[in-house]
Amino acid sequence: MAPTKKTQAIASVSFSPPSDTSLGVEAMSIDDLRKRATAEHFEKLQRADFYRLIGVLEGSTNPMVDFSTYAARAGDWLLVRPGQVFRYDFSHLWSGWLLVFRPDSLSPVERSRLPEYFDLRRRIEDLASLHSLRKDQHNWLSNSVQQMKFDAGFTDDVRLRNELLRLSLAGLLLRLSLWQSSNLSLGTSHVSNHANFRRFRQLLDADFATNHQVHHYAAALGMSDKTLSRVCISATGTPAKAVINQRLVLEAKRLLAHTGVAVQTIGRELGFDEASNFIKFFRKEAGITPLAFRQKNSHS
């Protein structure tokens, strides 16, 4: 019998800027990033506890985020969220910016004094993963990240620097959100649907392993099953049941490709009473059996 392939472990990466660990935001060039670790480090799958915003200035790259490969070219910006499985791609020469920030950098220190402040944690979840910007938008974003790198280098009060960086980050993300909304030309009903979809997605992330039925989420959100499906179709083009299934498949793929957990155990962890039911579900949704997917996506 041929030896079984070993799964590739996911490296956990924590936010720890070498210059000043008290800062919640760090900006750097891709060239500077590559000087911090070996080539082998960047070939590994990673799961971080912070956000990454990657901008391509020259060349092209094809990073992987949760089993989706993104073709990023000059003028493109990729947002990678905490918890997502990510891998850099340096198979081609490219240059750019990397902005990393902790989730707690999205909220003001004394939030009660800013009641009108936008909740950036909610707004950032509405952002697409890949943004292809106009030249003027791309230049503004590049200059903003460069300014943040400069501002982080001050040696004065760290609280003052953190607030300066947080405000700069807020402006950057709000502007990116405005550009996205402008490109989509969303009407009032679409904006409402998007807010409801965000609520659904947050609930789904918490409950997907134990609740697979549309009715559970619709009832929790105070709407009918049909209304929830309309919300999902407006936001993603797919009905609520398909969104639930996609979330289950994503988690199954993560466990199959990046852990050695048995298929039967994965099925149980995802709320399937019988392994056969999980296998049928996965094959229907992914077009491949769990074992075949593991063999195809594991790395020696």
Foldseek 3Di string as FASTA:
>chain_A
DDDAFDFAAAAEDEDADPPDRLAFKAKDKVVVVPVVDDPVVLQGKYAYQKKKKKAWQADWWWKDWLNDTDTHHHQKIFIHGHGITIHTGVPDDTITMIMIGHPVLQADPCNVVPVVDDRVVLLLVLDDGMDRDDPVLSVVLRVLSVVLNVLVPDPDDSVVSNVVSSVSVNVNSVVSSVVVCVVVVDDPVLVVLSSLVSVLVVVLVVCLLADLDLQVSQVVSVHDQVVQQVSCCSSPVGGPNLVSLVVLLSVLLCCLRHHPDDLQVSCVSSHHPGSVVVQVSNCVNVVDGSVVSSSVRGHD
